[in-house]
Each structure stands twice: as C-alpha cells, then as structure tokens.
C-alpha atoms as a PDB file:
ATOM      1  CA  MET A   1      17.574 -24.007 -50.507  1.00  0.00           C
ATOM      2  CA  ILE A   2      14.974 -24.367 -53.280  1.00  0.00           C
ATOM      3  CA  GLU A   3      13.708 -20.844 -52.630  1.00  0.00           C
ATOM      4  CA  TYR A   4      17.234 -19.501 -53.131  1.00  0.00           C
ATOM      5  CA  PHE A   5      17.579 -21.409 -56.391  1.00  0.00           C
ATOM      6  CA  LEU A   6      14.146 -20.253 -57.571  1.00  0.00           C
ATOM      7  CA  ASP A   7      15.059 -16.641 -56.813  1.00  0.00           C
ATOM      8  CA  LYS A   8      18.264 -16.956 -58.846  1.00  0.00           C
ATOM      9  CA  LEU A   9      16.396 -18.591 -61.712  1.00  0.00           C
ATOM     10  CA  CYS A  10      13.774 -15.832 -61.649  1.00  0.00           C
ATOM     11  CA  ARG A  11      16.484 -13.153 -61.836  1.00  0.00           C
ATOM     12  CA  LEU A  12      18.285 -14.979 -64.647  1.00  0.00           C
ATOM     13  CA  ALA A  13      15.031 -15.360 -66.592  1.00  0.00           C
ATOM     14  CA  ALA A  14      14.319 -11.641 -66.168  1.00  0.00           C
ATOM     15  CA  ILE A  15      17.785 -10.775 -67.486  1.00  0.00           C
ATOM     16  CA  LEU A  16      17.429 -13.142 -70.435  1.00  0.00           C
ATOM     17  CA  LYS A  17      14.002 -11.728 -71.244  1.00  0.00           C
END
C-alpha cells in the first residue's frame, strides 16, 4: 500500500514541479 501512495506522491510532485 505504501508503494502505491509513494507512486501517487511522486506523480503529484512532478505535476506541481
């Protein structure tokens, strides 16, 4: 479950950047 959350966070960070 953490991996899924990390993946979503990574994508969100990329969009914000």
